[in-house]
Amino acid sequence: MAEWEGIKEFVAVVEQGGFTAAARSLSHSVAHISRQVGALENRLDAKLLHRTTRKVMVTEEGQLFYQHCRHLLEGLDEAERALSRLQSHPSGKLRLTAPVSYGERYIAPALHDFMRRYPEIQAELHLTNQSLDIVDLGFDLAIRLGMLEESRLVARKLAQRSLYVCASPEYLARHGQPHTLAELRHHNCLLGTLDHWRFDEAERHRNVRVRGNLRCNSGAALLDAALKGMGLVQLPDYYVEEAIAEGRLVEVLHPFREQHEGIWALYPQNRHLSAKVRLLVEYFGEVL
């Protein structure tokens, strides 16, 4: 922004009536103000000010330049005020995507509360269990669960979850309770989208392949099947904690429970994140 250097100092000299008053108004030294104005005159190849030991007078060229510069600085000040208002009162459209069940249960209610706080926000929430390319599709933000793949996106951890393996008391009464990971091969395991379940064993991550007679990409549906005694299920804590507390489900294989799987906000690598996206990410981090 070399073209702007010296303009603010020049305008201050004109409006304050001298270098000393201009230096005081801008909290700079008189020498700094003089250097900036001198450099500006050299760059323009024009004499803007007549300096004497007693006063400073604006030349004809200086008066013309001052009139234009004053409007430029007023416009810049207004732009900064507008940006400040936008940052404190964000507005405009937000497009985000999230997994279906987690989005319905947590993201949508949090988004609604955020929109009540900032009523000038418009939002489009797309719920899907597919990992969409948010850059190509024009999304501002994606919520992802669990292990992240390598990508060109920025990831911020919002919260964490744990995976529970559990079953109904009726199922365990009929088939027994597993105490080792190897015993899973003798049980009917209700499957989601993956063929394996995730565990921590001896402080190391381990995937264990499991089998069963039901596969479904809905956590709510798998929870219902487990409550009806159809088999073991591995689900995040927010699905099963209430049922475990009420005794309708029993956690098994507790020593192998995988701890602290991440819940993430992903967004494109913009050098300056827009105010509305930044505020939404911060809000999700507070409430989730």
C-alpha atoms as a PDB file:
ATOM      1  CA  MET A   1       0.000   0.000   0.000  1.00  0.00           C
ATOM      2  CA  ALA A   2       2.861   2.385  -0.795  1.00  0.00           C
ATOM      3  CA  GLU A   3       0.429   4.727  -2.551  1.00  0.00           C
ATOM      4  CA  TRP A   4      -1.209   5.481   0.808  1.00  0.00           C
ATOM      5  CA  GLU A   5       1.993   6.285   2.673  1.00  0.00           C
ATOM      6  CA  GLY A   6       2.117   9.882   3.836  1.00  0.00           C
ATOM      7  CA  ILE A   7      -1.508  10.680   2.976  1.00  0.00           C
ATOM      8  CA  LYS A   8      -2.814  10.506   6.518  1.00  0.00           C
ATOM      9  CA  GLU A   9       0.115  12.594   7.748  1.00  0.00           C
ATOM     10  CA  PHE A  10      -0.397  15.204   4.994  1.00  0.00           C
ATOM     11  CA  VAL A  11      -4.116  15.520   5.731  1.00  0.00           C
ATOM     12  CA  ALA A  12      -3.368  15.886   9.446  1.00  0.00           C
ATOM     13  CA  VAL A  13      -0.883  18.700   8.771  1.00  0.00           C
ATOM     14  CA  VAL A  14      -3.445  20.575   6.683  1.00  0.00           C
ATOM     15  CA  GLU A  15      -6.292  20.085   9.141  1.00  0.00           C
ATOM     16  CA  GLN A  16      -4.217  20.719  12.284  1.00  0.00           C
ATOM     17  CA  GLY A  17      -2.398  23.700  10.796  1.00  0.00           C
ATOM     18  CA  GLY A  18       1.138  22.454  11.288  1.00  0.00           C
ATOM     19  CA  PHE A  19       3.538  19.566  11.833  1.00  0.00           C
ATOM     20  CA  THR A  20       3.628  19.760  15.620  1.00  0.00           C
ATOM     21  CA  ALA A  21      -0.153  19.632  15.995  1.00  0.00           C
ATOM     22  CA  ALA A  22      -0.381  16.858  13.386  1.00  0.00           C
ATOM     23  CA  ALA A  23       2.264  14.829  15.240  1.00  0.00           C
ATOM     24  CA  ARG A  24       0.303  15.245  18.461  1.00  0.00           C
ATOM     25  CA  SER A  25      -2.992  14.171  16.850  1.00  0.00           C
ATOM     26  CA  LEU A  26      -1.438  11.040  15.291  1.00  0.00           C
ATOM     27  CA  SER A  27       0.806  10.197  18.285  1.00  0.00           C
ATOM     28  CA  HIS A  28       3.955  10.337  16.159  1.00  0.00           C
ATOM     29  CA  SER A  29       7.078  12.459  16.266  1.00  0.00           C
ATOM     30  CA  VAL A  30       7.360  15.674  14.252  1.00  0.00           C
ATOM     31  CA  ALA A  31      10.321  14.155  12.406  1.00  0.00           C
ATOM     32  CA  HIS A  32       8.219  11.151  11.341  1.00  0.00           C
ATOM     33  CA  ILE A  33       5.421  13.392  10.031  1.00  0.00           C
ATOM     34  CA  SER A  34       7.919  15.520   8.121  1.00  0.00           C
ATOM     35  CA  ARG A  35       9.612  12.480   6.558  1.00  0.00           C
ATOM     36  CA  GLN A  36       6.292  10.968   5.443  1.00  0.00           C
ATOM     37  CA  VAL A  37       5.057  14.202   3.873  1.00  0.00           C
ATOM     38  CA  GLY A  38       8.410  14.776   2.193  1.00  0.00           C
ATOM     39  CA  ALA A  39       8.387  11.276   0.734  1.00  0.00           C
ATOM     40  CA  LEU A  40       4.825  11.846  -0.493  1.00  0.00           C
ATOM     41  CA  GLU A  41       5.857  15.049  -2.274  1.00  0.00           C
ATOM     42  CA  ASN A  42       8.817  13.297  -3.879  1.00  0.00           C
ATOM     43  CA  ARG A  43       6.619  10.448  -5.074  1.00  0.00           C
ATOM     44  CA  LEU A  44       4.077  12.876  -6.551  1.00  0.00           C
ATOM     45  CA  ASP A  45       6.794  15.195  -7.846  1.00  0.00           C
ATOM     46  CA  ALA A  46       4.737  18.112  -6.511  1.00  0.00           C
ATOM     47  CA  LYS A  47       5.085  20.725  -3.771  1.00  0.00           C
ATOM     48  CA  LEU A  48       2.131  20.296  -1.413  1.00  0.00           C
ATOM     49  CA  LEU A  49       3.171  22.562   1.451  1.00  0.00           C
ATOM     50  CA  HIS A  50       5.171  25.747   1.896  1.00  0.00           C
ATOM     51  CA  ARG A  51       7.153  25.479   5.136  1.00  0.00           C
ATOM     52  CA  THR A  52       8.526  28.471   7.024  1.00  0.00           C
ATOM     53  CA  THR A  53       9.855  28.771  10.538  1.00  0.00           C
ATOM     54  CA  ARG A  54       6.566  30.351  11.614  1.00  0.00           C
ATOM     55  CA  LYS A  55       3.804  28.491   9.730  1.00  0.00           C
ATOM     56  CA  VAL A  56       2.841  25.981   7.059  1.00  0.00           C
ATOM     57  CA  MET A  57       0.843  27.015   3.991  1.00  0.00           C
ATOM     58  CA  VAL A  58      -0.909  24.696   1.549  1.00  0.00           C
ATOM     59  CA  THR A  59       0.002  25.139  -2.117  1.00  0.00           C
ATOM     60  CA  GLU A  60      -2.556  25.120  -4.908  1.00  0.00           C
ATOM     61  CA  GLU A  61      -1.534  21.576  -5.771  1.00  0.00           C
ATOM     62  CA  GLY A  62      -1.692  20.678  -2.090  1.00  0.00           C
ATOM     63  CA  GLN A  63      -5.214  22.083  -1.725  1.00  0.00           C
ATOM     64  CA  LEU A  64      -6.441  20.059  -4.698  1.00  0.00           C
ATOM     65  CA  PHE A  65      -4.745  16.910  -3.439  1.00  0.00           C
ATOM     66  CA  TYR A  66      -6.104  17.477   0.084  1.00  0.00           C
ATOM     67  CA  GLN A  67      -9.723  17.636  -1.123  1.00  0.00           C
ATOM     68  CA  HIS A  68      -9.415  14.242  -2.802  1.00  0.00           C
ATOM     69  CA  CYS A  69      -7.441  12.679   0.053  1.00  0.00           C
ATOM     70  CA  ARG A  70      -9.945  13.837   2.647  1.00  0.00           C
ATOM     71  CA  HIS A  71     -12.723  11.940   0.854  1.00  0.00           C
ATOM     72  CA  LEU A  72     -10.493   8.871   0.509  1.00  0.00           C
ATOM     73  CA  LEU A  73      -9.740   8.795   4.230  1.00  0.00           C
ATOM     74  CA  GLU A  74     -13.387   9.340   5.112  1.00  0.00           C
ATOM     75  CA  GLY A  75     -14.283   6.397   2.867  1.00  0.00           C
ATOM     76  CA  LEU A  76     -11.605   4.254   4.495  1.00  0.00           C
ATOM     77  CA  ASP A  77     -12.881   5.156   7.959  1.00  0.00           C
ATOM     78  CA  GLU A  78     -16.411   4.260   6.922  1.00  0.00           C
ATOM     79  CA  ALA A  79     -15.220   0.945   5.466  1.00  0.00           C
ATOM     80  CA  GLU A  80     -13.499   0.104   8.758  1.00  0.00           C
ATOM     81  CA  ARG A  81     -16.631   1.021  10.726  1.00  0.00           C
ATOM     82  CA  ALA A  82     -18.760  -1.128   8.407  1.00  0.00           C
ATOM     83  CA  LEU A  83     -16.403  -4.068   8.884  1.00  0.00           C
ATOM     84  CA  SER A  84     -16.483  -3.578  12.641  1.00  0.00           C
ATOM     85  CA  ARG A  85     -20.291  -3.590  12.582  1.00  0.00           C
ATOM     86  CA  LEU A  86     -20.288  -6.777  10.495  1.00  0.00           C
ATOM     87  CA  GLN A  87     -17.927  -8.492  12.924  1.00  0.00           C
ATOM     88  CA  SER A  88     -20.085  -7.608  15.928  1.00  0.00           C
ATOM     89  CA  HIS A  89     -23.405  -8.064  14.062  1.00  0.00           C
ATOM     90  CA  PRO A  90     -22.732 -10.707  11.386  1.00  0.00           C
ATOM     91  CA  SER A  91     -25.150 -11.017   8.502  1.00  0.00           C
ATOM     92  CA  GLY A  92     -25.487 -12.908   5.250  1.00  0.00           C
ATOM     93  CA  LYS A  93     -25.731 -16.566   4.246  1.00  0.00           C
ATOM     94  CA  LEU A  94     -23.965 -19.508   5.869  1.00  0.00           C
ATOM     95  CA  ARG A  95     -23.839 -22.927   4.177  1.00  0.00           C
ATOM     96  CA  LEU A  96     -22.793 -25.885   6.302  1.00  0.00           C
ATOM     97  CA  THR A  97     -23.031 -29.652   6.258  1.00  0.00           C
ATOM     98  CA  ALA A  98     -23.095 -32.211   9.059  1.00  0.00           C
ATOM     99  CA  PRO A  99     -23.778 -35.944   9.617  1.00  0.00           C
ATOM    100  CA  VAL A 100     -27.482 -36.749   9.741  1.00  0.00           C
ATOM    101  CA  SER A 101     -28.078 -37.994  13.286  1.00  0.00           C
ATOM    102  CA  TYR A 102     -25.514 -35.771  15.000  1.00  0.00           C
ATOM    103  CA  GLY A 103     -26.712 -32.849  12.921  1.00  0.00           C
ATOM    104  CA  GLU A 104     -30.344 -33.384  13.883  1.00  0.00           C
ATOM    105  CA  ARG A 105     -29.557 -33.834  17.555  1.00  0.00           C
ATOM    106  CA  TYR A 106     -26.857 -31.221  18.163  1.00  0.00           C
ATOM    107  CA  ILE A 107     -25.853 -29.087  15.181  1.00  0.00           C
ATOM    108  CA  ALA A 108     -29.325 -27.949  14.117  1.00  0.00           C
ATOM    109  CA  PRO A 109     -30.414 -26.832  17.624  1.00  0.00           C
ATOM    110  CA  ALA A 110     -27.086 -25.021  18.146  1.00  0.00           C
ATOM    111  CA  LEU A 111     -27.415 -23.359  14.741  1.00  0.00           C
ATOM    112  CA  HIS A 112     -30.954 -22.234  15.551  1.00  0.00           C
ATOM    113  CA  ASP A 113     -29.780 -20.647  18.803  1.00  0.00           C
ATOM    114  CA  PHE A 114     -26.934 -18.936  16.923  1.00  0.00           C
ATOM    115  CA  MET A 115     -29.437 -17.511  14.421  1.00  0.00           C
ATOM    116  CA  ARG A 116     -31.611 -16.216  17.233  1.00  0.00           C
ATOM    117  CA  ARG A 117     -28.555 -14.424  18.617  1.00  0.00           C
ATOM    118  CA  TYR A 118     -27.690 -13.003  15.171  1.00  0.00           C
ATOM    119  CA  PRO A 119     -31.035 -12.584  13.362  1.00  0.00           C
ATOM    120  CA  GLU A 120     -29.459 -11.180  10.181  1.00  0.00           C
ATOM    121  CA  ILE A 121     -27.824 -14.566   9.469  1.00  0.00           C
ATOM    122  CA  GLN A 122     -29.379 -16.829   6.845  1.00  0.00           C
ATOM    123  CA  ALA A 123     -28.381 -20.502   7.009  1.00  0.00           C
ATOM    124  CA  GLU A 124     -28.522 -23.565   4.792  1.00  0.00           C
ATOM    125  CA  LEU A 125     -27.843 -26.816   6.667  1.00  0.00           C
ATOM    126  CA  HIS A 126     -27.285 -29.940   4.556  1.00  0.00           C
ATOM    127  CA  LEU A 127     -27.382 -33.195   6.555  1.00  0.00           C
ATOM    128  CA  THR A 128     -25.613 -36.155   4.973  1.00  0.00           C
ATOM    129  CA  ASN A 129     -23.306 -38.955   6.059  1.00  0.00           C
ATOM    130  CA  GLN A 130     -21.205 -38.462   2.926  1.00  0.00           C
ATOM    131  CA  SER A 131     -17.945 -36.515   3.120  1.00  0.00           C
ATOM    132  CA  LEU A 132     -18.719 -33.769   0.653  1.00  0.00           C
ATOM    133  CA  ASP A 133     -16.101 -31.616  -1.050  1.00  0.00           C
ATOM    134  CA  ILE A 134     -17.110 -28.384   0.635  1.00  0.00           C
ATOM    135  CA  VAL A 135     -14.769 -26.232  -1.471  1.00  0.00           C
ATOM    136  CA  ASP A 136     -16.170 -27.398  -4.813  1.00  0.00           C
ATOM    137  CA  LEU A 137     -19.756 -27.314  -3.529  1.00  0.00           C
ATOM    138  CA  GLY A 138     -19.447 -23.882  -1.945  1.00  0.00           C
ATOM    139  CA  PHE A 139     -19.987 -24.768   1.706  1.00  0.00           C
ATOM    140  CA  ASP A 140     -18.541 -22.504   4.392  1.00  0.00           C
ATOM    141  CA  LEU A 141     -18.215 -25.205   7.033  1.00  0.00           C
ATOM    142  CA  ALA A 142     -18.438 -28.967   7.582  1.00  0.00           C
ATOM    143  CA  ILE A 143     -18.906 -30.891  10.818  1.00  0.00           C
ATOM    144  CA  ARG A 144     -17.063 -34.230  10.805  1.00  0.00           C
ATOM    145  CA  LEU A 145     -16.855 -36.983  13.411  1.00  0.00           C
ATOM    146  CA  GLY A 146     -13.999 -39.296  14.324  1.00  0.00           C
ATOM    147  CA  MET A 147     -10.754 -39.793  12.454  1.00  0.00           C
ATOM    148  CA  LEU A 148     -10.059 -37.223   9.746  1.00  0.00           C
ATOM    149  CA  GLU A 149      -8.595 -37.930   6.340  1.00  0.00           C
ATOM    150  CA  GLU A 150      -5.816 -35.795   4.929  1.00  0.00           C
ATOM    151  CA  SER A 151      -7.291 -32.775   3.170  1.00  0.00           C
ATOM    152  CA  ARG A 152      -6.684 -29.163   2.228  1.00  0.00           C
ATOM    153  CA  LEU A 153      -9.151 -28.009   4.889  1.00  0.00           C
ATOM    154  CA  VAL A 154      -8.473 -26.396   8.255  1.00  0.00           C
ATOM    155  CA  ALA A 155      -9.726 -28.532  11.159  1.00  0.00           C
ATOM    156  CA  ARG A 156     -10.717 -27.238  14.590  1.00  0.00           C
ATOM    157  CA  LYS A 157     -11.712 -29.638  17.348  1.00  0.00           C
ATOM    158  CA  LEU A 158     -15.071 -28.668  18.828  1.00  0.00           C
ATOM    159  CA  ALA A 159     -15.751 -31.537  21.206  1.00  0.00           C
ATOM    160  CA  GLN A 160     -15.055 -35.220  21.720  1.00  0.00           C
ATOM    161  CA  ARG A 161     -16.972 -38.432  22.051  1.00  0.00           C
ATOM    162  CA  SER A 162     -16.393 -41.997  23.230  1.00  0.00           C
ATOM    163  CA  LEU A 163     -17.561 -45.197  21.560  1.00  0.00           C
ATOM    164  CA  TYR A 164     -19.505 -47.644  23.758  1.00  0.00           C
ATOM    165  CA  VAL A 165     -20.147 -51.316  23.075  1.00  0.00           C
ATOM    166  CA  CYS A 166     -23.364 -52.349  24.749  1.00  0.00           C
ATOM    167  CA  ALA A 167     -26.354 -54.676  24.595  1.00  0.00           C
ATOM    168  CA  SER A 168     -29.686 -55.138  26.303  1.00  0.00           C
ATOM    169  CA  PRO A 169     -29.838 -57.184  29.527  1.00  0.00           C
ATOM    170  CA  GLU A 170     -32.037 -59.698  27.641  1.00  0.00           C
ATOM    171  CA  TYR A 171     -29.397 -60.274  24.957  1.00  0.00           C
ATOM    172  CA  LEU A 172     -26.622 -60.728  27.532  1.00  0.00           C
ATOM    173  CA  ALA A 173     -28.767 -63.140  29.526  1.00  0.00           C
ATOM    174  CA  ARG A 174     -29.170 -65.317  26.421  1.00  0.00           C
ATOM    175  CA  HIS A 175     -25.657 -65.063  24.951  1.00  0.00           C
ATOM    176  CA  GLY A 176     -23.377 -64.074  27.800  1.00  0.00           C
ATOM    177  CA  GLN A 177     -21.173 -61.026  28.234  1.00  0.00           C
ATOM    178  CA  PRO A 178     -17.881 -60.768  26.281  1.00  0.00           C
ATOM    179  CA  HIS A 179     -14.783 -59.928  28.320  1.00  0.00           C
ATOM    180  CA  THR A 180     -12.149 -59.983  25.553  1.00  0.00           C
ATOM    181  CA  LEU A 181     -12.093 -58.656  22.016  1.00  0.00           C
ATOM    182  CA  ALA A 182     -11.631 -62.181  20.684  1.00  0.00           C
ATOM    183  CA  GLU A 183     -15.058 -63.156  22.065  1.00  0.00           C
ATOM    184  CA  LEU A 184     -16.781 -60.756  19.675  1.00  0.00           C
ATOM    185  CA  ARG A 185     -16.635 -63.450  16.985  1.00  0.00           C
ATOM    186  CA  HIS A 186     -19.225 -65.413  18.986  1.00  0.00           C
ATOM    187  CA  HIS A 187     -21.723 -62.534  19.100  1.00  0.00           C
ATOM    188  CA  ASN A 188     -24.193 -60.951  16.728  1.00  0.00           C
ATOM    189  CA  CYS A 189     -22.800 -57.462  16.140  1.00  0.00           C
ATOM    190  CA  LEU A 190     -25.110 -54.801  14.732  1.00  0.00           C
ATOM    191  CA  LEU A 191     -23.146 -52.985  12.051  1.00  0.00           C
ATOM    192  CA  GLY A 192     -23.083 -49.436  10.766  1.00  0.00           C
ATOM    193  CA  THR A 193     -21.206 -48.385   7.655  1.00  0.00           C
ATOM    194  CA  LEU A 194     -17.941 -50.095   8.664  1.00  0.00           C
ATOM    195  CA  ASP A 195     -17.010 -53.783   8.929  1.00  0.00           C
ATOM    196  CA  HIS A 196     -14.929 -53.208  12.045  1.00  0.00           C
ATOM    197  CA  TRP A 197     -15.237 -51.696  15.521  1.00  0.00           C
ATOM    198  CA  ARG A 198     -12.606 -49.459  17.087  1.00  0.00           C
ATOM    199  CA  PHE A 199     -10.928 -50.128  20.422  1.00  0.00           C
ATOM    200  CA  ASP A 200      -7.933 -49.160  22.544  1.00  0.00           C
ATOM    201  CA  GLU A 201      -5.856 -52.130  23.729  1.00  0.00           C
ATOM    202  CA  ALA A 202      -2.626 -51.741  25.693  1.00  0.00           C
ATOM    203  CA  GLU A 203      -2.617 -48.018  24.840  1.00  0.00           C
ATOM    204  CA  ARG A 204      -2.758 -48.783  21.116  1.00  0.00           C
ATOM    205  CA  HIS A 205      -5.579 -48.269  18.653  1.00  0.00           C
ATOM    206  CA  ARG A 206      -7.052 -51.484  17.252  1.00  0.00           C
ATOM    207  CA  ASN A 207      -9.710 -52.256  14.641  1.00  0.00           C
ATOM    208  CA  VAL A 208     -11.595 -55.518  15.165  1.00  0.00           C
ATOM    209  CA  ARG A 209     -13.628 -57.009  12.305  1.00  0.00           C
ATOM    210  CA  VAL A 210     -17.116 -58.015  13.429  1.00  0.00           C
ATOM    211  CA  ARG A 211     -20.140 -59.722  11.855  1.00  0.00           C
ATOM    212  CA  GLY A 212     -23.885 -59.670  12.354  1.00  0.00           C
ATOM    213  CA  ASN A 213     -27.297 -60.009  10.746  1.00  0.00           C
ATOM    214  CA  LEU A 214     -28.117 -56.277  10.536  1.00  0.00           C
ATOM    215  CA  ARG A 215     -26.369 -53.396   8.845  1.00  0.00           C
ATOM    216  CA  CYS A 216     -27.716 -49.844   8.881  1.00  0.00           C
ATOM    217  CA  ASN A 217     -26.231 -46.368   8.416  1.00  0.00           C
ATOM    218  CA  SER A 218     -28.478 -44.884  11.124  1.00  0.00           C
ATOM    219  CA  GLY A 219     -27.318 -44.767  14.717  1.00  0.00           C
ATOM    220  CA  ALA A 220     -30.905 -44.347  15.913  1.00  0.00           C
ATOM    221  CA  ALA A 221     -31.957 -47.506  14.076  1.00  0.00           C
ATOM    222  CA  LEU A 222     -29.027 -49.502  15.504  1.00  0.00           C
ATOM    223  CA  LEU A 223     -29.900 -48.240  18.981  1.00  0.00           C
ATOM    224  CA  ASP A 224     -33.471 -49.457  18.548  1.00  0.00           C
ATOM    225  CA  ALA A 225     -32.239 -52.904  17.447  1.00  0.00           C
ATOM    226  CA  ALA A 226     -29.929 -53.148  20.468  1.00  0.00           C
ATOM    227  CA  LEU A 227     -32.720 -52.111  22.846  1.00  0.00           C
ATOM    228  CA  LYS A 228     -34.843 -54.923  21.381  1.00  0.00           C
ATOM    229  CA  GLY A 229     -32.187 -57.516  22.207  1.00  0.00           C
ATOM    230  CA  MET A 230     -30.956 -58.177  18.682  1.00  0.00           C
ATOM    231  CA  GLY A 231     -27.222 -57.981  19.415  1.00  0.00           C
ATOM    232  CA  LEU A 232     -24.209 -55.962  20.508  1.00  0.00           C
ATOM    233  CA  VAL A 233     -23.795 -52.471  19.147  1.00  0.00           C
ATOM    234  CA  GLN A 234     -20.983 -49.906  19.142  1.00  0.00           C
ATOM    235  CA  LEU A 235     -22.297 -46.349  19.228  1.00  0.00           C
ATOM    236  CA  PRO A 236     -21.119 -42.923  20.403  1.00  0.00           C
ATOM    237  CA  ASP A 237     -21.895 -41.919  23.969  1.00  0.00           C
ATOM    238  CA  TYR A 238     -24.678 -39.489  23.064  1.00  0.00           C
ATOM    239  CA  TYR A 239     -26.761 -42.360  21.644  1.00  0.00           C
ATOM    240  CA  VAL A 240     -26.507 -44.771  24.564  1.00  0.00           C
ATOM    241  CA  GLU A 241     -25.706 -42.938  27.810  1.00  0.00           C
ATOM    242  CA  GLU A 242     -29.349 -42.394  28.728  1.00  0.00           C
ATOM    243  CA  ALA A 243     -30.286 -46.031  28.047  1.00  0.00           C
ATOM    244  CA  ILE A 244     -27.266 -47.230  30.065  1.00  0.00           C
ATOM    245  CA  ALA A 245     -28.202 -44.964  32.977  1.00  0.00           C
ATOM    246  CA  GLU A 246     -31.759 -46.344  32.899  1.00  0.00           C
ATOM    247  CA  GLY A 247     -30.564 -49.961  32.761  1.00  0.00           C
ATOM    248  CA  ARG A 248     -32.041 -50.614  29.309  1.00  0.00           C
ATOM    249  CA  LEU A 249     -28.525 -51.185  27.945  1.00  0.00           C
ATOM    250  CA  VAL A 250     -25.380 -52.556  29.601  1.00  0.00           C
ATOM    251  CA  GLU A 251     -21.893 -51.484  28.555  1.00  0.00           C
ATOM    252  CA  VAL A 252     -19.442 -54.321  27.854  1.00  0.00           C
ATOM    253  CA  LEU A 253     -15.722 -54.371  27.087  1.00  0.00           C
ATOM    254  CA  HIS A 254     -15.262 -51.182  29.099  1.00  0.00           C
ATOM    255  CA  PRO A 255     -11.445 -51.622  29.456  1.00  0.00           C
ATOM    256  CA  PHE A 256     -11.149 -51.467  25.660  1.00  0.00           C
ATOM    257  CA  ARG A 257     -13.367 -48.432  25.097  1.00  0.00           C
ATOM    258  CA  GLU A 258     -11.852 -46.008  22.592  1.00  0.00           C
ATOM    259  CA  GLN A 259     -11.470 -42.639  24.265  1.00  0.00           C
ATOM    260  CA  HIS A 260     -11.935 -39.109  23.037  1.00  0.00           C
ATOM    261  CA  GLU A 261     -12.708 -39.383  19.358  1.00  0.00           C
ATOM    262  CA  GLY A 262     -12.866 -35.892  17.878  1.00  0.00           C
ATOM    263  CA  ILE A 263     -15.809 -33.826  16.666  1.00  0.00           C
ATOM    264  CA  TRP A 264     -14.439 -31.307  14.176  1.00  0.00           C
ATOM    265  CA  ALA A 265     -15.276 -28.159  12.278  1.00  0.00           C
ATOM    266  CA  LEU A 266     -13.622 -28.077   8.856  1.00  0.00           C
ATOM    267  CA  TYR A 267     -13.413 -25.006   6.660  1.00  0.00           C
ATOM    268  CA  PRO A 268     -11.384 -23.857   3.633  1.00  0.00           C
ATOM    269  CA  GLN A 269      -7.903 -22.446   4.089  1.00  0.00           C
ATOM    270  CA  ASN A 270      -8.763 -18.788   3.745  1.00  0.00           C
ATOM    271  CA  ARG A 271      -6.137 -16.428   5.092  1.00  0.00           C
ATOM    272  CA  HIS A 272      -8.848 -14.376   6.806  1.00  0.00           C
ATOM    273  CA  LEU A 273     -11.858 -16.367   8.011  1.00  0.00           C
ATOM    274  CA  SER A 274     -15.094 -14.414   7.568  1.00  0.00           C
ATOM    275  CA  ALA A 275     -16.596 -13.014  10.759  1.00  0.00           C
ATOM    276  CA  LYS A 276     -19.803 -15.051  10.535  1.00  0.00           C
ATOM    277  CA  VAL A 277     -17.975 -18.368  10.039  1.00  0.00           C
ATOM    278  CA  ARG A 278     -15.487 -17.578  12.810  1.00  0.00           C
ATOM    279  CA  LEU A 279     -18.304 -16.678  15.231  1.00  0.00           C
ATOM    280  CA  LEU A 280     -20.265 -19.835  14.349  1.00  0.00           C
ATOM    281  CA  VAL A 281     -17.209 -22.082  14.885  1.00  0.00           C
ATOM    282  CA  GLU A 282     -16.518 -20.384  18.231  1.00  0.00           C
ATOM    283  CA  TYR A 283     -20.166 -20.781  19.229  1.00  0.00           C
ATOM    284  CA  PHE A 284     -20.203 -24.488  18.357  1.00  0.00           C
ATOM    285  CA  GLY A 285     -17.023 -24.881  20.421  1.00  0.00           C
ATOM    286  CA  GLU A 286     -18.796 -23.349  23.414  1.00  0.00           C
ATOM    287  CA  VAL A 287     -22.038 -25.313  23.308  1.00  0.00           C
ATOM    288  CA  LEU A 288     -21.193 -28.756  21.950  1.00  0.00           C
END
